[in-house]
Amino acid sequence: MPLQGNIRRALTVLCAKLGLPRVRVHDLRHVSLSLLAMAGVPLKVAQARAGHSTARMTLDVYQHVLGEGDLMAAEALEKAIGG
């Protein structure tokens, strides 16, 4: 897809210009969702932003940034809403 290629190239050029290591678009997505998780954004909101089909998928990918208590709370919420 041309747009994805253009975005990838622009990001590569920008990183080089700023003297930063190469960053992939996927890296930006991961950082964004990790920051949402650390900020306590509700799991279902993060799931929707990620485009994941289930809250479990979001948890499986981003649970490393949640504290143990937050993980337990998110799992309890998922169970309560029938996830």
PDB file of N, CA and C in Angstrom:
ATOM      1  N   MET A   1       0.843  -1.178   0.000  1.00  0.00           N
ATOM      2  CA  MET A   1       0.000   0.000   0.000  1.00  0.00           C
ATOM      3  C   MET A   1       0.888   1.240   0.000  1.00  0.00           C
ATOM      4  N   PRO A   2       0.633   2.157  -0.887  1.00  0.00           N
ATOM      5  CA  PRO A   2       1.501   3.333  -1.008  1.00  0.00           C
ATOM      6  C   PRO A   2       1.531   4.206   0.243  1.00  0.00           C
ATOM      7  N   LEU A   3       0.381   4.416   0.893  1.00  0.00           N
ATOM      8  CA  LEU A   3       0.346   5.277   2.072  1.00  0.00           C
ATOM      9  C   LEU A   3       1.213   4.719   3.188  1.00  0.00           C
ATOM     10  N   GLN A   4       1.117   3.418   3.427  1.00  0.00           N
ATOM     11  CA  GLN A   4       1.928   2.802   4.484  1.00  0.00           C
ATOM     12  C   GLN A   4       3.408   2.946   4.177  1.00  0.00           C
ATOM     13  N   GLY A   5       3.768   2.772   2.925  1.00  0.00           N
ATOM     14  CA  GLY A   5       5.164   2.932   2.536  1.00  0.00           C
ATOM     15  C   GLY A   5       5.640   4.362   2.741  1.00  0.00           C
ATOM     16  N   ASN A   6       4.785   5.324   2.422  1.00  0.00           N
ATOM     17  CA  ASN A   6       5.143   6.736   2.605  1.00  0.00           C
ATOM     18  C   ASN A   6       5.327   7.075   4.085  1.00  0.00           C
ATOM     19  N   ILE A   7       4.436   6.564   4.910  1.00  0.00           N
ATOM     20  CA  ILE A   7       4.537   6.809   6.354  1.00  0.00           C
ATOM     21  C   ILE A   7       5.806   6.176   6.902  1.00  0.00           C
ATOM     22  N   ARG A   8       6.070   4.954   6.488  1.00  0.00           N
ATOM     23  CA  ARG A   8       7.276   4.248   6.943  1.00  0.00           C
ATOM     24  C   ARG A   8       8.538   5.012   6.532  1.00  0.00           C
ATOM     25  N   ARG A   9       8.576   5.456   5.276  1.00  0.00           N
ATOM     26  CA  ARG A   9       9.745   6.224   4.804  1.00  0.00           C
ATOM     27  C   ARG A   9       9.895   7.534   5.561  1.00  0.00           C
ATOM     28  N   ALA A  10       8.793   8.248   5.756  1.00  0.00           N
ATOM     29  CA  ALA A  10       8.849   9.532   6.466  1.00  0.00           C
ATOM     30  C   ALA A  10       9.342   9.338   7.901  1.00  0.00           C
ATOM     31  N   LEU A  11       8.892   8.290   8.547  1.00  0.00           N
ATOM     32  CA  LEU A  11       9.321   8.005   9.919  1.00  0.00           C
ATOM     33  C   LEU A  11      10.806   7.665   9.952  1.00  0.00           C
ATOM     34  N   THR A  12      11.273   6.900   8.985  1.00  0.00           N
ATOM     35  CA  THR A  12      12.691   6.535   8.902  1.00  0.00           C
ATOM     36  C   THR A  12      13.551   7.779   8.692  1.00  0.00           C
ATOM     37  N   VAL A  13      13.121   8.658   7.792  1.00  0.00           N
ATOM     38  CA  VAL A  13      13.866   9.893   7.518  1.00  0.00           C
ATOM     39  C   VAL A  13      13.888  10.782   8.761  1.00  0.00           C
ATOM     40  N   LEU A  14      12.752  10.915   9.430  1.00  0.00           N
ATOM     41  CA  LEU A  14      12.675  11.747  10.629  1.00  0.00           C
ATOM     42  C   LEU A  14      13.596  11.232  11.724  1.00  0.00           C
ATOM     43  N   CYS A  15      13.601   9.929  11.951  1.00  0.00           N
ATOM     44  CA  CYS A  15      14.484   9.349  12.970  1.00  0.00           C
ATOM     45  C   CYS A  15      15.947   9.623  12.627  1.00  0.00           C
ATOM     46  N   ALA A  16      16.296   9.448  11.366  1.00  0.00           N
ATOM     47  CA  ALA A  16      17.681   9.696  10.938  1.00  0.00           C
ATOM     48  C   ALA A  16      18.049  11.159  11.144  1.00  0.00           C
ATOM     49  N   LYS A  17      17.137  12.051  10.794  1.00  0.00           N
ATOM     50  CA  LYS A  17      17.371  13.491  10.939  1.00  0.00           C
ATOM     51  C   LYS A  17      17.595  13.886  12.399  1.00  0.00           C
ATOM     52  N   LEU A  18      16.868  13.237  13.278  1.00  0.00           N
ATOM     53  CA  LEU A  18      16.962  13.542  14.707  1.00  0.00           C
ATOM     54  C   LEU A  18      18.039  12.734  15.419  1.00  0.00           C
ATOM     55  N   GLY A  19      18.701  11.848  14.680  1.00  0.00           N
ATOM     56  CA  GLY A  19      19.747  11.024  15.271  1.00  0.00           C
ATOM     57  C   GLY A  19      19.209   9.957  16.211  1.00  0.00           C
ATOM     58  N   LEU A  20      18.000   9.526  15.955  1.00  0.00           N
ATOM     59  CA  LEU A  20      17.357   8.514  16.787  1.00  0.00           C
ATOM     60  C   LEU A  20      17.425   7.157  16.112  1.00  0.00           C
ATOM     61  N   PRO A  21      17.334   6.082  16.890  1.00  0.00           N
ATOM     62  CA  PRO A  21      17.273   4.762  16.261  1.00  0.00           C
ATOM     63  C   PRO A  21      16.006   4.648  15.420  1.00  0.00           C
ATOM     64  N   ARG A  22      16.045   3.773  14.445  1.00  0.00           N
ATOM     65  CA  ARG A  22      14.885   3.569  13.585  1.00  0.00           C
ATOM     66  C   ARG A  22      13.705   3.081  14.417  1.00  0.00           C
ATOM     67  N   VAL A  23      12.544   3.670  14.178  1.00  0.00           N
ATOM     68  CA  VAL A  23      11.315   3.295  14.877  1.00  0.00           C
ATOM     69  C   VAL A  23      10.304   2.847  13.831  1.00  0.00           C
ATOM     70  N   ARG A  24       9.647   1.744  14.105  1.00  0.00           N
ATOM     71  CA  ARG A  24       8.603   1.263  13.200  1.00  0.00           C
ATOM     72  C   ARG A  24       7.247   1.817  13.641  1.00  0.00           C
ATOM     73  N   VAL A  25       6.310   1.882  12.710  1.00  0.00           N
ATOM     74  CA  VAL A  25       4.957   2.328  13.035  1.00  0.00           C
ATOM     75  C   VAL A  25       4.371   1.419  14.120  1.00  0.00           C
ATOM     76  N   HIS A  26       4.645   0.139  14.043  1.00  0.00           N
ATOM     77  CA  HIS A  26       4.154  -0.799  15.061  1.00  0.00           C
ATOM     78  C   HIS A  26       4.705  -0.427  16.444  1.00  0.00           C
ATOM     79  N   ASP A  27       5.944   0.042  16.498  1.00  0.00           N
ATOM     80  CA  ASP A  27       6.527   0.457  17.781  1.00  0.00           C
ATOM     81  C   ASP A  27       5.727   1.609  18.382  1.00  0.00           C
ATOM     82  N   LEU A  28       5.317   2.557  17.540  1.00  0.00           N
ATOM     83  CA  LEU A  28       4.525   3.692  18.025  1.00  0.00           C
ATOM     84  C   LEU A  28       3.173   3.214  18.557  1.00  0.00           C
ATOM     85  N   ARG A  29       2.586   2.260  17.868  1.00  0.00           N
ATOM     86  CA  ARG A  29       1.304   1.689  18.318  1.00  0.00           C
ATOM     87  C   ARG A  29       1.471   1.026  19.678  1.00  0.00           C
ATOM     88  N   HIS A  30       2.543   0.251  19.832  1.00  0.00           N
ATOM     89  CA  HIS A  30       2.781  -0.452  21.085  1.00  0.00           C
ATOM     90  C   HIS A  30       3.014   0.536  22.229  1.00  0.00           C
ATOM     91  N   VAL A  31       3.807   1.563  21.980  1.00  0.00           N
ATOM     92  CA  VAL A  31       4.064   2.577  23.011  1.00  0.00           C
ATOM     93  C   VAL A  31       2.770   3.282  23.399  1.00  0.00           C
ATOM     94  N   SER A  32       1.986   3.651  22.400  1.00  0.00           N
ATOM     95  CA  SER A  32       0.724   4.348  22.663  1.00  0.00           C
ATOM     96  C   SER A  32      -0.191   3.514  23.553  1.00  0.00           C
ATOM     97  N   LEU A  33      -0.378   2.249  23.209  1.00  0.00           N
ATOM     98  CA  LEU A  33      -1.263   1.398  24.005  1.00  0.00           C
ATOM     99  C   LEU A  33      -0.676   1.071  25.373  1.00  0.00           C
ATOM    100  N   SER A  34       0.633   0.962  25.468  1.00  0.00           N
ATOM    101  CA  SER A  34       1.273   0.736  26.768  1.00  0.00           C
ATOM    102  C   SER A  34       1.059   1.942  27.679  1.00  0.00           C
ATOM    103  N   LEU A  35       1.196   3.142  27.127  1.00  0.00           N
ATOM    104  CA  LEU A  35       0.977   4.356  27.921  1.00  0.00           C
ATOM    105  C   LEU A  35      -0.480   4.448  28.384  1.00  0.00           C
ATOM    106  N   LEU A  36      -1.408   4.060  27.520  1.00  0.00           N
ATOM    107  CA  LEU A  36      -2.818   4.050  27.935  1.00  0.00           C
ATOM    108  C   LEU A  36      -3.029   3.088  29.091  1.00  0.00           C
ATOM    109  N   ALA A  37      -2.433   1.910  29.012  1.00  0.00           N
ATOM    110  CA  ALA A  37      -2.574   0.916  30.082  1.00  0.00           C
ATOM    111  C   ALA A  37      -1.988   1.446  31.385  1.00  0.00           C
ATOM    112  N   MET A  38      -0.800   2.047  31.309  1.00  0.00           N
ATOM    113  CA  MET A  38      -0.157   2.580  32.521  1.00  0.00           C
ATOM    114  C   MET A  38      -0.947   3.739  33.112  1.00  0.00           C
ATOM    115  N   ALA A  39      -1.684   4.463  32.270  1.00  0.00           N
ATOM    116  CA  ALA A  39      -2.473   5.598  32.748  1.00  0.00           C
ATOM    117  C   ALA A  39      -3.816   5.161  33.318  1.00  0.00           C
ATOM    118  N   GLY A  40      -4.097   3.866  33.257  1.00  0.00           N
ATOM    119  CA  GLY A  40      -5.341   3.370  33.829  1.00  0.00           C
ATOM    120  C   GLY A  40      -6.548   3.510  32.914  1.00  0.00           C
ATOM    121  N   VAL A  41      -6.315   3.703  31.627  1.00  0.00           N
ATOM    122  CA  VAL A  41      -7.426   3.787  30.679  1.00  0.00           C
ATOM    123  C   VAL A  41      -8.154   2.442  30.688  1.00  0.00           C
ATOM    124  N   PRO A  42      -9.477   2.456  30.701  1.00  0.00           N
ATOM    125  CA  PRO A  42     -10.226   1.200  30.755  1.00  0.00           C
ATOM    126  C   PRO A  42      -9.825   0.227  29.643  1.00  0.00           C
ATOM    127  N   LEU A  43      -9.792  -1.028  29.999  1.00  0.00           N
ATOM    128  CA  LEU A  43      -9.388  -2.082  29.077  1.00  0.00           C
ATOM    129  C   LEU A  43     -10.203  -2.059  27.791  1.00  0.00           C
ATOM    130  N   LYS A  44     -11.503  -1.880  27.890  1.00  0.00           N
ATOM    131  CA  LYS A  44     -12.356  -1.892  26.699  1.00  0.00           C
ATOM    132  C   LYS A  44     -12.033  -0.723  25.772  1.00  0.00           C
ATOM    133  N   VAL A  45     -11.612   0.398  26.319  1.00  0.00           N
ATOM    134  CA  VAL A  45     -11.216   1.542  25.490  1.00  0.00           C
ATOM    135  C   VAL A  45      -9.937   1.199  24.739  1.00  0.00           C
ATOM    136  N   ALA A  46      -8.964   0.644  25.453  1.00  0.00           N
ATOM    137  CA  ALA A  46      -7.707   0.246  24.811  1.00  0.00           C
ATOM    138  C   ALA A  46      -7.971  -0.821  23.757  1.00  0.00           C
ATOM    139  N   GLN A  47      -8.847  -1.768  24.056  1.00  0.00           N
ATOM    140  CA  GLN A  47      -9.196  -2.817  23.101  1.00  0.00           C
ATOM    141  C   GLN A  47      -9.755  -2.203  21.821  1.00  0.00           C
ATOM    142  N   ALA A  48     -10.666  -1.251  21.962  1.00  0.00           N
ATOM    143  CA  ALA A  48     -11.270  -0.610  20.786  1.00  0.00           C
ATOM    144  C   ALA A  48     -10.228   0.159  19.980  1.00  0.00           C
ATOM    145  N   ARG A  49      -9.351   0.879  20.668  1.00  0.00           N
ATOM    146  CA  ARG A  49      -8.311   1.644  19.961  1.00  0.00           C
ATOM    147  C   ARG A  49      -7.348   0.723  19.228  1.00  0.00           C
ATOM    148  N   ALA A  50      -7.081  -0.437  19.811  1.00  0.00           N
ATOM    149  CA  ALA A  50      -6.153  -1.387  19.192  1.00  0.00           C
ATOM    150  C   ALA A  50      -6.809  -2.161  18.046  1.00  0.00           C
ATOM    151  N   GLY A  51      -8.135  -2.203  18.060  1.00  0.00           N
ATOM    152  CA  GLY A  51      -8.834  -2.989  17.054  1.00  0.00           C
ATOM    153  C   GLY A  51      -8.795  -4.480  17.344  1.00  0.00           C
ATOM    154  N   HIS A  52      -8.540  -4.818  18.622  1.00  0.00           N
ATOM    155  CA  HIS A  52      -8.512  -6.219  19.016  1.00  0.00           C
ATOM    156  C   HIS A  52      -9.939  -6.747  19.116  1.00  0.00           C
ATOM    157  N   SER A  53     -10.114  -8.016  18.778  1.00  0.00           N
ATOM    158  CA  SER A  53     -11.446  -8.603  18.808  1.00  0.00           C
ATOM    159  C   SER A  53     -11.905  -8.924  20.224  1.00  0.00           C
ATOM    160  N   THR A  54     -10.954  -9.120  21.145  1.00  0.00           N
ATOM    161  CA  THR A  54     -11.319  -9.440  22.528  1.00  0.00           C
ATOM    162  C   THR A  54     -10.448  -8.650  23.503  1.00  0.00           C
ATOM    163  N   ALA A  55     -10.991  -8.450  24.697  1.00  0.00           N
ATOM    164  CA  ALA A  55     -10.213  -7.805  25.751  1.00  0.00           C
ATOM    165  C   ALA A  55      -9.043  -8.697  26.167  1.00  0.00           C
ATOM    166  N   ARG A  56      -9.235 -10.011  26.081  1.00  0.00           N
ATOM    167  CA  ARG A  56      -8.173 -10.958  26.428  1.00  0.00           C
ATOM    168  C   ARG A  56      -6.949 -10.737  25.542  1.00  0.00           C
ATOM    169  N   MET A  57      -7.171 -10.493  24.257  1.00  0.00           N
ATOM    170  CA  MET A  57      -6.045 -10.259  23.349  1.00  0.00           C
ATOM    171  C   MET A  57      -5.270  -9.016  23.774  1.00  0.00           C
ATOM    172  N   THR A  58      -5.990  -7.961  24.132  1.00  0.00           N
ATOM    173  CA  THR A  58      -5.340  -6.736  24.589  1.00  0.00           C
ATOM    174  C   THR A  58      -4.542  -7.009  25.858  1.00  0.00           C
ATOM    175  N   LEU A  59      -5.138  -7.744  26.794  1.00  0.00           N
ATOM    176  CA  LEU A  59      -4.433  -8.093  28.028  1.00  0.00           C
ATOM    177  C   LEU A  59      -3.187  -8.925  27.760  1.00  0.00           C
ATOM    178  N   ASP A  60      -3.315  -9.891  26.878  1.00  0.00           N
ATOM    179  CA  ASP A  60      -2.179 -10.768  26.586  1.00  0.00           C
ATOM    180  C   ASP A  60      -0.997  -9.985  26.028  1.00  0.00           C
ATOM    181  N   VAL A  61      -1.272  -8.961  25.245  1.00  0.00           N
ATOM    182  CA  VAL A  61      -0.198  -8.186  24.625  1.00  0.00           C
ATOM    183  C   VAL A  61       0.357  -7.129  25.572  1.00  0.00           C
ATOM    184  N   TYR A  62      -0.506  -6.510  26.384  1.00  0.00           N
ATOM    185  CA  TYR A  62      -0.081  -5.348  27.164  1.00  0.00           C
ATOM    186  C   TYR A  62      -0.069  -5.563  28.672  1.00  0.00           C
ATOM    187  N   GLN A  63      -0.299  -6.783  29.160  1.00  0.00           N
ATOM    188  CA  GLN A  63      -0.364  -6.995  30.601  1.00  0.00           C
ATOM    189  C   GLN A  63       0.962  -6.710  31.289  1.00  0.00           C
ATOM    190  N   HIS A  64       2.067  -6.742  30.549  1.00  0.00           N
ATOM    191  CA  HIS A  64       3.372  -6.480  31.165  1.00  0.00           C
ATOM    192  C   HIS A  64       3.489  -5.049  31.685  1.00  0.00           C
ATOM    193  N   VAL A  65       2.639  -4.138  31.206  1.00  0.00           N
ATOM    194  CA  VAL A  65       2.720  -2.760  31.691  1.00  0.00           C
ATOM    195  C   VAL A  65       1.723  -2.480  32.804  1.00  0.00           C
ATOM    196  N   LEU A  66       0.883  -3.452  33.113  1.00  0.00           N
ATOM    197  CA  LEU A  66      -0.088  -3.290  34.184  1.00  0.00           C
ATOM    198  C   LEU A  66       0.476  -3.855  35.471  1.00  0.00           C
ATOM    199  N   GLY A  67       0.185  -3.191  36.565  1.00  0.00           N
ATOM    200  CA  GLY A  67       0.538  -3.761  37.863  1.00  0.00           C
ATOM    201  C   GLY A  67      -0.328  -4.980  38.121  1.00  0.00           C
ATOM    202  N   GLU A  68       0.089  -5.810  39.043  1.00  0.00           N
ATOM    203  CA  GLU A  68      -0.666  -7.033  39.333  1.00  0.00           C
ATOM    204  C   GLU A  68      -2.109  -6.719  39.730  1.00  0.00           C
ATOM    205  N   GLY A  69      -2.302  -5.692  40.533  1.00  0.00           N
ATOM    206  CA  GLY A  69      -3.656  -5.314  40.934  1.00  0.00           C
ATOM    207  C   GLY A  69      -4.489  -4.859  39.754  1.00  0.00           C
ATOM    208  N   ASP A  70      -3.887  -4.098  38.863  1.00  0.00           N
ATOM    209  CA  ASP A  70      -4.608  -3.645  37.682  1.00  0.00           C
ATOM    210  C   ASP A  70      -4.987  -4.828  36.792  1.00  0.00           C
ATOM    211  N   LEU A  71      -4.096  -5.768  36.666  1.00  0.00           N
ATOM    212  CA  LEU A  71      -4.375  -6.952  35.855  1.00  0.00           C
ATOM    213  C   LEU A  71      -5.542  -7.730  36.451  1.00  0.00           C
ATOM    214  N   MET A  72      -5.528  -7.918  37.751  1.00  0.00           N
ATOM    215  CA  MET A  72      -6.622  -8.637  38.402  1.00  0.00           C
ATOM    216  C   MET A  72      -7.942  -7.895  38.205  1.00  0.00           C
ATOM    217  N   ALA A  73      -7.911  -6.583  38.333  1.00  0.00           N
ATOM    218  CA  ALA A  73      -9.124  -5.783  38.155  1.00  0.00           C
ATOM    219  C   ALA A  73      -9.628  -5.886  36.723  1.00  0.00           C
ATOM    220  N   ALA A  74      -8.725  -5.820  35.765  1.00  0.00           N
ATOM    221  CA  ALA A  74      -9.121  -5.909  34.352  1.00  0.00           C
ATOM    222  C   ALA A  74      -9.720  -7.271  34.043  1.00  0.00           C
ATOM    223  N   GLU A  75      -9.129  -8.332  34.589  1.00  0.00           N
ATOM    224  CA  GLU A  75      -9.663  -9.676  34.359  1.00  0.00           C
ATOM    225  C   GLU A  75     -11.035  -9.837  35.004  1.00  0.00           C
ATOM    226  N   ALA A  76     -11.215  -9.266  36.191  1.00  0.00           N
ATOM    227  CA  ALA A  76     -12.511  -9.340  36.853  1.00  0.00           C
ATOM    228  C   ALA A  76     -13.561  -8.589  36.037  1.00  0.00           C
ATOM    229  N   LEU A  77     -13.177  -7.437  35.497  1.00  0.00           N
ATOM    230  CA  LEU A  77     -14.089  -6.656  34.662  1.00  0.00           C
ATOM    231  C   LEU A  77     -14.443  -7.424  33.392  1.00  0.00           C
ATOM    232  N   GLU A  78     -13.456  -8.027  32.787  1.00  0.00           N
ATOM    233  CA  GLU A  78     -13.699  -8.812  31.576  1.00  0.00           C
ATOM    234  C   GLU A  78     -14.686  -9.943  31.861  1.00  0.00           C
ATOM    235  N   LYS A  79     -14.504 -10.624  32.970  1.00  0.00           N
ATOM    236  CA  LYS A  79     -15.384 -11.728  33.334  1.00  0.00           C
ATOM    237  C   LYS A  79     -16.806 -11.204  33.608  1.00  0.00           C
ATOM    238  N   ALA A  80     -16.885 -10.053  34.269  1.00  0.00           N
ATOM    239  CA  ALA A  80     -18.189  -9.491  34.632  1.00  0.00           C
ATOM    240  C   ALA A  80     -18.990  -9.064  33.396  1.00  0.00           C
ATOM    241  N   ILE A  81     -18.290  -8.635  32.349  1.00  0.00           N
ATOM    242  CA  ILE A  81     -19.015  -8.192  31.155  1.00  0.00           C
ATOM    243  C   ILE A  81     -19.148  -9.304  30.123  1.00  0.00           C
ATOM    244  N   GLY A  82     -18.731 -10.492  30.507  1.00  0.00           N
ATOM    245  CA  GLY A  82     -18.918 -11.641  29.626  1.00  0.00           C
ATOM    246  C   GLY A  82     -17.860 -11.802  28.565  1.00  0.00           C
ATOM    247  N   GLY A  83     -16.630 -11.298  28.846  1.00  0.00           N
ATOM    248  CA  GLY A  83     -15.553 -11.348  27.854  1.00  0.00           C
ATOM    249  C   GLY A  83     -14.962 -12.695  27.666  1.00  0.00           C
TER     250      GLY A  83
END
